[in-house]
Amino acid sequence: MTSWPATWPPAAHDLADAVLRLTEATARDAEDVEPAIAALVVLPVRVEDVVAGMLRLLLEAAFADGVDSDDVSALVRQVVHRSPSLDPTDVVAVVLGTLGVHPEPERRESDNQDPDDVPVALTVERMAPEVALRVGSAVAVVLAERVGTPLAPVISAVLSDVAAAESVEWA
């Protein structure tokens, strides 16, 4: 695989290898995507956060002058064209969620109450990790191709930032 920073503990190397395997499977071999996702969701960290970090870096590189609705729409179309099995709504949620402008779907705490009677609190349901990883990796592949960068350095930058910012103990 790729040579990651020697200062990283083995768990960080394993995480980086697993994320890289997912993105490579997404780019080249759809049959390997599900096993790559299965390997990631059992890790003791929120891998979706690593993928989201990758997307932030790639979006900044791809749209250095800022992202507008036409950019998002074109990106969603490109991702769905490349990966037609993805739900376009999920792609929109991942892209806009990465930009911080779109919360995940809101659900009423109780569907039994009449909305006119009582103000009902809304909760935000997180997207299932498997879906977030599948969609996030597809978006990452499209953005990396657009920017013309391999994903290994992006993964390395994100994990280095996470470790530095949060003093993550990789165990």
N, C-alpha and C. Protein backbone atom coordinates (compact mmCIF):
# COMPACT_ATOMS: atom_id res chain seq x y z
N MET A 1 0.84 -1.19 0.00
CA MET A 1 0.00 0.00 0.00
C MET A 1 0.88 1.24 0.00
N THR A 2 0.36 2.29 0.59
CA THR A 2 1.04 3.58 0.63
C THR A 2 1.89 3.68 1.88
N SER A 3 2.93 4.46 1.79
CA SER A 3 3.77 4.70 2.96
C SER A 3 3.24 5.92 3.70
N TRP A 4 2.74 5.68 4.91
CA TRP A 4 2.18 6.75 5.73
C TRP A 4 3.26 7.28 6.66
N PRO A 5 3.04 8.41 7.31
CA PRO A 5 4.07 8.96 8.21
C PRO A 5 4.49 7.94 9.28
N ALA A 6 5.77 7.85 9.48
CA ALA A 6 6.33 6.89 10.44
C ALA A 6 5.91 7.22 11.87
N THR A 7 5.56 8.47 12.13
CA THR A 7 5.17 8.87 13.48
C THR A 7 3.77 8.40 13.85
N TRP A 8 3.00 7.98 12.87
CA TRP A 8 1.66 7.49 13.15
C TRP A 8 1.70 6.13 13.81
N PRO A 9 0.83 5.88 14.75
CA PRO A 9 0.73 4.55 15.34
C PRO A 9 0.09 3.58 14.33
N PRO A 10 0.22 2.29 14.57
CA PRO A 10 -0.34 1.29 13.64
C PRO A 10 -1.83 1.47 13.36
N ALA A 11 -2.61 1.87 14.35
CA ALA A 11 -4.05 2.05 14.13
C ALA A 11 -4.33 3.14 13.10
N ALA A 12 -3.54 4.20 13.10
CA ALA A 12 -3.72 5.27 12.12
C ALA A 12 -3.35 4.77 10.72
N HIS A 13 -2.30 3.96 10.65
CA HIS A 13 -1.91 3.36 9.36
C HIS A 13 -3.04 2.48 8.84
N ASP A 14 -3.62 1.69 9.73
CA ASP A 14 -4.72 0.80 9.34
C ASP A 14 -5.92 1.59 8.83
N LEU A 15 -6.25 2.67 9.52
CA LEU A 15 -7.36 3.52 9.11
C LEU A 15 -7.08 4.14 7.74
N ALA A 16 -5.90 4.68 7.56
CA ALA A 16 -5.55 5.29 6.28
C ALA A 16 -5.58 4.26 5.15
N ASP A 17 -5.04 3.07 5.41
CA ASP A 17 -5.08 2.01 4.41
C ASP A 17 -6.52 1.65 4.03
N ALA A 18 -7.38 1.55 5.04
CA ALA A 18 -8.78 1.17 4.80
C ALA A 18 -9.52 2.24 4.01
N VAL A 19 -9.30 3.51 4.32
CA VAL A 19 -9.96 4.59 3.58
C VAL A 19 -9.43 4.61 2.14
N LEU A 20 -8.13 4.42 1.97
CA LEU A 20 -7.57 4.39 0.62
C LEU A 20 -8.13 3.20 -0.18
N ARG A 21 -8.26 2.04 0.47
CA ARG A 21 -8.86 0.88 -0.21
C ARG A 21 -10.28 1.19 -0.68
N LEU A 22 -11.06 1.88 0.15
CA LEU A 22 -12.42 2.22 -0.24
C LEU A 22 -12.43 3.15 -1.45
N THR A 23 -11.61 4.17 -1.42
CA THR A 23 -11.62 5.11 -2.55
C THR A 23 -11.10 4.45 -3.82
N GLU A 24 -10.12 3.58 -3.69
CA GLU A 24 -9.62 2.86 -4.87
C GLU A 24 -10.68 1.91 -5.41
N ALA A 25 -11.41 1.24 -4.53
CA ALA A 25 -12.49 0.36 -4.97
C ALA A 25 -13.59 1.17 -5.65
N THR A 26 -13.90 2.32 -5.10
CA THR A 26 -14.92 3.18 -5.69
C THR A 26 -14.51 3.62 -7.08
N ALA A 27 -13.24 3.91 -7.26
CA ALA A 27 -12.74 4.39 -8.55
C ALA A 27 -12.61 3.27 -9.58
N ARG A 28 -12.33 2.06 -9.13
CA ARG A 28 -11.95 1.02 -10.10
C ARG A 28 -12.76 -0.26 -10.08
N ASP A 29 -13.22 -0.69 -8.92
CA ASP A 29 -13.81 -2.03 -8.84
C ASP A 29 -14.99 -2.05 -7.88
N ALA A 30 -16.18 -1.87 -8.42
CA ALA A 30 -17.39 -1.76 -7.59
C ALA A 30 -17.60 -2.98 -6.69
N GLU A 31 -17.11 -4.13 -7.10
CA GLU A 31 -17.29 -5.34 -6.28
C GLU A 31 -16.54 -5.25 -4.96
N ASP A 32 -15.50 -4.45 -4.91
CA ASP A 32 -14.69 -4.34 -3.69
C ASP A 32 -15.18 -3.25 -2.74
N VAL A 33 -16.20 -2.48 -3.14
CA VAL A 33 -16.68 -1.37 -2.32
C VAL A 33 -17.31 -1.88 -1.02
N GLU A 34 -18.21 -2.84 -1.12
CA GLU A 34 -18.90 -3.31 0.08
C GLU A 34 -17.95 -3.92 1.11
N PRO A 35 -16.99 -4.78 0.71
CA PRO A 35 -16.03 -5.28 1.71
C PRO A 35 -15.18 -4.15 2.32
N ALA A 36 -14.86 -3.15 1.51
CA ALA A 36 -14.07 -2.02 2.04
C ALA A 36 -14.88 -1.24 3.06
N ILE A 37 -16.17 -1.04 2.79
CA ILE A 37 -17.04 -0.34 3.74
C ILE A 37 -17.19 -1.17 5.01
N ALA A 38 -17.39 -2.48 4.85
CA ALA A 38 -17.54 -3.36 6.02
C ALA A 38 -16.30 -3.30 6.91
N ALA A 39 -15.12 -3.21 6.31
CA ALA A 39 -13.89 -3.12 7.11
C ALA A 39 -13.80 -1.79 7.85
N LEU A 40 -14.34 -0.74 7.26
CA LEU A 40 -14.27 0.58 7.89
C LEU A 40 -15.27 0.76 9.03
N VAL A 41 -16.48 0.26 8.87
CA VAL A 41 -17.50 0.53 9.88
C VAL A 41 -17.23 -0.19 11.20
N VAL A 42 -16.36 -1.17 11.21
CA VAL A 42 -16.05 -1.86 12.46
C VAL A 42 -14.90 -1.20 13.22
N LEU A 43 -14.27 -0.20 12.61
CA LEU A 43 -13.17 0.49 13.29
C LEU A 43 -13.73 1.31 14.45
N PRO A 44 -12.95 1.49 15.50
CA PRO A 44 -13.43 2.19 16.70
C PRO A 44 -13.40 3.72 16.59
N VAL A 45 -13.44 4.24 15.38
CA VAL A 45 -13.48 5.70 15.17
C VAL A 45 -14.59 6.00 14.17
N ARG A 46 -15.00 7.28 14.13
CA ARG A 46 -16.01 7.69 13.15
C ARG A 46 -15.31 7.98 11.83
N VAL A 47 -15.22 6.95 11.02
CA VAL A 47 -14.53 7.06 9.75
C VAL A 47 -15.20 8.09 8.84
N GLU A 48 -16.52 8.28 8.99
CA GLU A 48 -17.21 9.27 8.17
C GLU A 48 -16.60 10.65 8.36
N ASP A 49 -16.09 10.93 9.56
CA ASP A 49 -15.47 12.23 9.81
C ASP A 49 -14.18 12.39 9.00
N VAL A 50 -13.45 11.30 8.83
CA VAL A 50 -12.23 11.34 8.02
C VAL A 50 -12.61 11.61 6.57
N VAL A 51 -13.63 10.91 6.07
CA VAL A 51 -14.08 11.12 4.69
C VAL A 51 -14.59 12.55 4.53
N ALA A 52 -15.32 13.06 5.50
CA ALA A 52 -15.80 14.45 5.44
C ALA A 52 -14.63 15.43 5.38
N GLY A 53 -13.58 15.16 6.13
CA GLY A 53 -12.38 16.00 6.08
C GLY A 53 -11.74 15.97 4.71
N MET A 54 -11.71 14.79 4.10
CA MET A 54 -11.19 14.69 2.73
C MET A 54 -12.02 15.53 1.78
N LEU A 55 -13.33 15.44 1.93
CA LEU A 55 -14.22 16.19 1.04
C LEU A 55 -14.03 17.69 1.20
N ARG A 56 -13.86 18.15 2.44
CA ARG A 56 -13.63 19.59 2.65
C ARG A 56 -12.37 20.05 1.92
N LEU A 57 -11.28 19.30 2.07
CA LEU A 57 -10.04 19.68 1.40
C LEU A 57 -10.21 19.66 -0.12
N LEU A 58 -10.86 18.63 -0.63
CA LEU A 58 -11.03 18.51 -2.07
C LEU A 58 -11.98 19.58 -2.63
N LEU A 59 -13.04 19.89 -1.89
CA LEU A 59 -13.95 20.96 -2.33
C LEU A 59 -13.23 22.30 -2.37
N GLU A 60 -12.40 22.57 -1.37
CA GLU A 60 -11.63 23.82 -1.35
C GLU A 60 -10.69 23.89 -2.55
N ALA A 61 -10.07 22.77 -2.90
CA ALA A 61 -9.15 22.75 -4.04
C ALA A 61 -9.91 22.85 -5.36
N ALA A 62 -11.04 22.19 -5.46
CA ALA A 62 -11.80 22.18 -6.71
C ALA A 62 -12.53 23.48 -6.97
N PHE A 63 -12.93 24.16 -5.91
CA PHE A 63 -13.71 25.39 -6.04
C PHE A 63 -13.05 26.49 -5.21
N ALA A 64 -11.84 26.85 -5.58
CA ALA A 64 -11.06 27.82 -4.81
C ALA A 64 -11.76 29.18 -4.71
N ASP A 65 -12.58 29.52 -5.68
CA ASP A 65 -13.28 30.81 -5.67
C ASP A 65 -14.63 30.73 -4.99
N GLY A 66 -14.96 29.58 -4.42
CA GLY A 66 -16.24 29.40 -3.75
C GLY A 66 -17.16 28.49 -4.55
N VAL A 67 -18.11 27.92 -3.87
CA VAL A 67 -19.04 26.97 -4.48
C VAL A 67 -20.41 27.62 -4.55
N ASP A 68 -21.03 27.55 -5.72
CA ASP A 68 -22.40 28.04 -5.83
C ASP A 68 -23.33 26.87 -6.16
N SER A 69 -24.60 27.15 -6.26
CA SER A 69 -25.57 26.08 -6.49
C SER A 69 -25.35 25.37 -7.81
N ASP A 70 -24.89 26.09 -8.83
CA ASP A 70 -24.60 25.44 -10.11
C ASP A 70 -23.43 24.46 -9.97
N ASP A 71 -22.43 24.83 -9.18
CA ASP A 71 -21.29 23.93 -8.93
C ASP A 71 -21.75 22.67 -8.23
N VAL A 72 -22.59 22.84 -7.20
CA VAL A 72 -23.09 21.68 -6.45
C VAL A 72 -23.92 20.80 -7.36
N SER A 73 -24.79 21.40 -8.14
CA SER A 73 -25.64 20.63 -9.05
C SER A 73 -24.80 19.85 -10.06
N ALA A 74 -23.81 20.48 -10.63
CA ALA A 74 -22.94 19.80 -11.60
C ALA A 74 -22.17 18.67 -10.94
N LEU A 75 -21.69 18.90 -9.73
CA LEU A 75 -20.95 17.87 -9.01
C LEU A 75 -21.85 16.68 -8.70
N VAL A 76 -23.05 16.93 -8.25
CA VAL A 76 -23.99 15.85 -7.94
C VAL A 76 -24.28 15.04 -9.21
N ARG A 77 -24.53 15.74 -10.32
CA ARG A 77 -24.78 15.03 -11.58
C ARG A 77 -23.59 14.17 -11.98
N GLN A 78 -22.39 14.70 -11.83
CA GLN A 78 -21.19 13.97 -12.20
C GLN A 78 -21.02 12.72 -11.33
N VAL A 79 -21.25 12.86 -10.03
CA VAL A 79 -21.11 11.71 -9.12
C VAL A 79 -22.15 10.65 -9.45
N VAL A 80 -23.39 11.05 -9.65
CA VAL A 80 -24.46 10.10 -9.93
C VAL A 80 -24.27 9.46 -11.30
N HIS A 81 -23.74 10.21 -12.26
CA HIS A 81 -23.45 9.63 -13.57
C HIS A 81 -22.37 8.55 -13.46
N ARG A 82 -21.37 8.83 -12.65
CA ARG A 82 -20.28 7.87 -12.46
C ARG A 82 -20.73 6.67 -11.63
N SER A 83 -21.59 6.91 -10.64
CA SER A 83 -22.06 5.86 -9.72
C SER A 83 -23.59 5.87 -9.71
N PRO A 84 -24.23 5.33 -10.75
CA PRO A 84 -25.69 5.43 -10.87
C PRO A 84 -26.48 4.72 -9.78
N SER A 85 -25.85 3.86 -9.01
CA SER A 85 -26.58 3.18 -7.94
C SER A 85 -26.80 4.09 -6.72
N LEU A 86 -26.13 5.23 -6.69
CA LEU A 86 -26.27 6.15 -5.56
C LEU A 86 -27.56 6.94 -5.68
N ASP A 87 -28.17 7.22 -4.54
CA ASP A 87 -29.35 8.06 -4.47
C ASP A 87 -28.89 9.51 -4.57
N PRO A 88 -29.36 10.25 -5.58
CA PRO A 88 -28.93 11.65 -5.72
C PRO A 88 -29.20 12.49 -4.47
N THR A 89 -30.26 12.18 -3.74
CA THR A 89 -30.56 12.91 -2.51
C THR A 89 -29.45 12.71 -1.48
N ASP A 90 -28.92 11.50 -1.41
CA ASP A 90 -27.80 11.24 -0.49
C ASP A 90 -26.55 12.00 -0.93
N VAL A 91 -26.33 12.08 -2.23
CA VAL A 91 -25.16 12.82 -2.74
C VAL A 91 -25.30 14.30 -2.38
N VAL A 92 -26.48 14.86 -2.58
CA VAL A 92 -26.73 16.26 -2.21
C VAL A 92 -26.49 16.46 -0.71
N ALA A 93 -27.02 15.56 0.11
CA ALA A 93 -26.86 15.69 1.56
C ALA A 93 -25.40 15.64 1.97
N VAL A 94 -24.62 14.77 1.35
CA VAL A 94 -23.19 14.67 1.69
C VAL A 94 -22.44 15.92 1.26
N VAL A 95 -22.67 16.36 0.03
CA VAL A 95 -21.96 17.55 -0.47
C VAL A 95 -22.34 18.78 0.35
N LEU A 96 -23.63 19.02 0.51
CA LEU A 96 -24.04 20.21 1.26
C LEU A 96 -23.71 20.10 2.74
N GLY A 97 -23.79 18.90 3.30
CA GLY A 97 -23.39 18.70 4.69
C GLY A 97 -21.92 19.01 4.88
N THR A 98 -21.10 18.63 3.92
CA THR A 98 -19.68 18.93 3.98
C THR A 98 -19.44 20.44 3.96
N LEU A 99 -20.28 21.14 3.19
CA LEU A 99 -20.16 22.59 3.12
C LEU A 99 -20.76 23.28 4.34
N GLY A 100 -21.47 22.52 5.17
CA GLY A 100 -22.06 23.07 6.38
C GLY A 100 -23.34 23.84 6.14
N VAL A 101 -23.99 23.61 5.00
CA VAL A 101 -25.20 24.36 4.70
C VAL A 101 -26.45 23.50 4.64
N HIS A 102 -26.31 22.24 4.94
CA HIS A 102 -27.47 21.36 4.82
C HIS A 102 -27.44 20.34 5.95
N PRO A 103 -28.38 20.44 6.88
CA PRO A 103 -28.40 19.43 7.93
C PRO A 103 -28.90 18.11 7.36
N GLU A 104 -28.59 17.07 8.06
CA GLU A 104 -29.13 15.78 7.66
C GLU A 104 -30.64 15.81 7.90
N PRO A 105 -31.36 14.86 7.33
CA PRO A 105 -32.84 14.93 7.40
C PRO A 105 -33.35 15.08 8.83
N GLU A 106 -34.31 15.97 8.98
CA GLU A 106 -34.92 16.19 10.29
C GLU A 106 -36.13 15.27 10.43
N ARG A 107 -36.32 14.76 11.60
CA ARG A 107 -37.46 13.89 11.88
C ARG A 107 -38.14 14.39 13.14
N ARG A 108 -39.44 14.31 13.17
CA ARG A 108 -40.19 14.68 14.37
C ARG A 108 -39.93 13.64 15.46
N GLU A 109 -39.81 14.13 16.69
CA GLU A 109 -39.61 13.20 17.79
C GLU A 109 -40.83 12.31 17.97
N SER A 110 -41.99 12.84 17.70
CA SER A 110 -43.21 12.05 17.82
C SER A 110 -44.11 12.36 16.64
N ASP A 111 -44.38 11.35 15.84
CA ASP A 111 -45.28 11.54 14.71
C ASP A 111 -46.74 11.45 15.14
N ASN A 112 -47.01 11.13 16.40
CA ASN A 112 -48.38 10.98 16.88
C ASN A 112 -49.02 12.30 17.27
N GLN A 113 -48.23 13.35 17.45
CA GLN A 113 -48.77 14.62 17.88
C GLN A 113 -49.25 15.43 16.68
N ASP A 114 -50.29 16.18 16.90
CA ASP A 114 -50.78 17.08 15.88
C ASP A 114 -49.85 18.30 15.87
N PRO A 115 -49.24 18.61 14.74
CA PRO A 115 -48.28 19.72 14.71
C PRO A 115 -48.90 21.06 15.10
N ASP A 116 -50.23 21.19 14.99
CA ASP A 116 -50.87 22.45 15.37
C ASP A 116 -51.06 22.58 16.87
N ASP A 117 -51.06 21.46 17.59
CA ASP A 117 -51.33 21.47 19.02
C ASP A 117 -50.10 21.87 19.84
N VAL A 118 -49.01 21.24 19.55
CA VAL A 118 -47.82 21.42 20.37
C VAL A 118 -46.62 21.61 19.46
N PRO A 119 -45.75 22.54 19.79
CA PRO A 119 -44.53 22.62 18.99
C PRO A 119 -43.73 21.33 19.20
N VAL A 120 -43.41 20.68 18.14
CA VAL A 120 -42.72 19.40 18.21
C VAL A 120 -41.24 19.63 17.98
N ALA A 121 -40.45 19.10 18.89
CA ALA A 121 -39.00 19.20 18.74
C ALA A 121 -38.55 18.36 17.56
N LEU A 122 -37.59 18.87 16.85
CA LEU A 122 -37.04 18.13 15.74
C LEU A 122 -35.69 17.57 16.13
N THR A 123 -35.43 16.38 15.69
CA THR A 123 -34.12 15.80 15.91
C THR A 123 -33.47 15.57 14.55
N VAL A 124 -32.18 15.56 14.53
CA VAL A 124 -31.46 15.32 13.29
C VAL A 124 -30.95 13.89 13.31
N GLU A 125 -31.37 13.14 12.31
CA GLU A 125 -30.90 11.76 12.20
C GLU A 125 -29.66 11.75 11.33
N ARG A 126 -28.65 11.06 11.80
CA ARG A 126 -27.43 10.94 11.01
C ARG A 126 -27.64 9.92 9.90
N MET A 127 -26.99 10.16 8.82
CA MET A 127 -27.00 9.21 7.71
C MET A 127 -26.28 7.95 8.18
N ALA A 128 -26.76 6.81 7.77
CA ALA A 128 -26.11 5.54 8.14
C ALA A 128 -24.65 5.59 7.69
N PRO A 129 -23.73 5.13 8.54
CA PRO A 129 -22.31 5.18 8.19
C PRO A 129 -21.99 4.54 6.84
N GLU A 130 -22.64 3.42 6.56
CA GLU A 130 -22.37 2.73 5.30
C GLU A 130 -22.73 3.61 4.10
N VAL A 131 -23.86 4.30 4.20
CA VAL A 131 -24.30 5.19 3.12
C VAL A 131 -23.35 6.38 3.02
N ALA A 132 -23.03 6.97 4.16
CA ALA A 132 -22.13 8.13 4.16
C ALA A 132 -20.77 7.77 3.56
N LEU A 133 -20.26 6.59 3.88
CA LEU A 133 -18.97 6.18 3.33
C LEU A 133 -19.05 5.90 1.83
N ARG A 134 -20.11 5.23 1.40
CA ARG A 134 -20.29 4.91 -0.02
C ARG A 134 -20.38 6.19 -0.84
N VAL A 135 -21.24 7.11 -0.41
CA VAL A 135 -21.44 8.36 -1.13
C VAL A 135 -20.20 9.25 -1.01
N GLY A 136 -19.67 9.37 0.20
CA GLY A 136 -18.50 10.22 0.40
C GLY A 136 -17.31 9.79 -0.43
N SER A 137 -17.09 8.49 -0.53
CA SER A 137 -15.96 8.02 -1.34
C SER A 137 -16.19 8.31 -2.82
N ALA A 138 -17.44 8.20 -3.28
CA ALA A 138 -17.74 8.51 -4.68
C ALA A 138 -17.50 9.99 -4.98
N VAL A 139 -17.92 10.85 -4.05
CA VAL A 139 -17.70 12.29 -4.23
C VAL A 139 -16.20 12.58 -4.19
N ALA A 140 -15.47 11.94 -3.28
CA ALA A 140 -14.02 12.15 -3.18
C ALA A 140 -13.31 11.76 -4.47
N VAL A 141 -13.71 10.65 -5.05
CA VAL A 141 -13.08 10.20 -6.29
C VAL A 141 -13.31 11.21 -7.41
N VAL A 142 -14.54 11.69 -7.54
CA VAL A 142 -14.84 12.67 -8.59
C VAL A 142 -14.06 13.96 -8.36
N LEU A 143 -14.03 14.44 -7.12
CA LEU A 143 -13.30 15.68 -6.83
C LEU A 143 -11.80 15.51 -7.04
N ALA A 144 -11.25 14.38 -6.63
CA ALA A 144 -9.81 14.15 -6.82
C ALA A 144 -9.45 14.13 -8.30
N GLU A 145 -10.32 13.52 -9.10
CA GLU A 145 -10.08 13.53 -10.55
C GLU A 145 -10.15 14.95 -11.10
N ARG A 146 -11.11 15.71 -10.61
CA ARG A 146 -11.28 17.10 -11.07
C ARG A 146 -10.04 17.93 -10.72
N VAL A 147 -9.53 17.74 -9.51
CA VAL A 147 -8.37 18.50 -9.04
C VAL A 147 -7.07 17.94 -9.63
N GLY A 148 -7.10 16.66 -9.97
CA GLY A 148 -5.90 16.02 -10.50
C GLY A 148 -4.92 15.62 -9.42
N THR A 149 -5.45 15.14 -8.30
CA THR A 149 -4.59 14.74 -7.19
C THR A 149 -4.89 13.31 -6.77
N PRO A 150 -3.86 12.58 -6.38
CA PRO A 150 -4.13 11.26 -5.80
C PRO A 150 -4.73 11.44 -4.41
N LEU A 151 -5.46 10.44 -3.94
CA LEU A 151 -6.15 10.57 -2.65
C LEU A 151 -5.25 10.28 -1.45
N ALA A 152 -4.17 9.54 -1.62
CA ALA A 152 -3.31 9.22 -0.47
C ALA A 152 -2.81 10.48 0.25
N PRO A 153 -2.31 11.50 -0.45
CA PRO A 153 -1.88 12.70 0.27
C PRO A 153 -3.02 13.43 0.97
N VAL A 154 -4.22 13.35 0.41
CA VAL A 154 -5.38 13.99 1.04
C VAL A 154 -5.72 13.25 2.33
N ILE A 155 -5.72 11.92 2.28
CA ILE A 155 -5.97 11.12 3.48
C ILE A 155 -4.92 11.42 4.54
N SER A 156 -3.67 11.48 4.12
CA SER A 156 -2.58 11.77 5.06
C SER A 156 -2.76 13.14 5.70
N ALA A 157 -3.12 14.14 4.92
CA ALA A 157 -3.32 15.48 5.47
C ALA A 157 -4.45 15.51 6.49
N VAL A 158 -5.55 14.83 6.17
CA VAL A 158 -6.70 14.82 7.07
C VAL A 158 -6.35 14.13 8.39
N LEU A 159 -5.73 12.97 8.31
CA LEU A 159 -5.39 12.25 9.54
C LEU A 159 -4.34 12.99 10.36
N SER A 160 -3.41 13.64 9.70
CA SER A 160 -2.43 14.45 10.43
C SER A 160 -3.10 15.62 11.13
N ASP A 161 -4.06 16.26 10.44
CA ASP A 161 -4.81 17.37 11.05
C ASP A 161 -5.62 16.90 12.24
N VAL A 162 -6.29 15.76 12.09
CA VAL A 162 -7.11 15.22 13.19
C VAL A 162 -6.22 14.93 14.40
N ALA A 163 -5.09 14.27 14.15
CA ALA A 163 -4.19 13.93 15.25
C ALA A 163 -3.66 15.19 15.95
N ALA A 164 -3.31 16.20 15.16
CA ALA A 164 -2.77 17.42 15.75
C ALA A 164 -3.84 18.22 16.48
N ALA A 165 -5.01 18.33 15.89
CA ALA A 165 -6.07 19.16 16.46
C ALA A 165 -6.71 18.56 17.70
N GLU A 166 -6.84 17.28 17.71
CA GLU A 166 -7.57 16.65 18.80
C GLU A 166 -6.70 15.76 19.69
N SER A 167 -5.43 15.73 19.41
CA SER A 167 -4.54 14.83 20.15
C SER A 167 -5.14 13.43 20.25
N VAL A 168 -5.51 12.92 19.08
CA VAL A 168 -6.17 11.62 19.03
C VAL A 168 -5.24 10.54 19.50
N GLU A 169 -5.76 9.71 20.36
CA GLU A 169 -5.00 8.54 20.79
C GLU A 169 -5.49 7.38 19.93
N TRP A 170 -4.62 6.87 19.09
CA TRP A 170 -5.00 5.84 18.10
C TRP A 170 -5.06 4.45 18.69
N ALA A 171 -4.53 4.25 19.86
CA ALA A 171 -4.56 2.95 20.56
C ALA A 171 -3.86 1.86 19.82
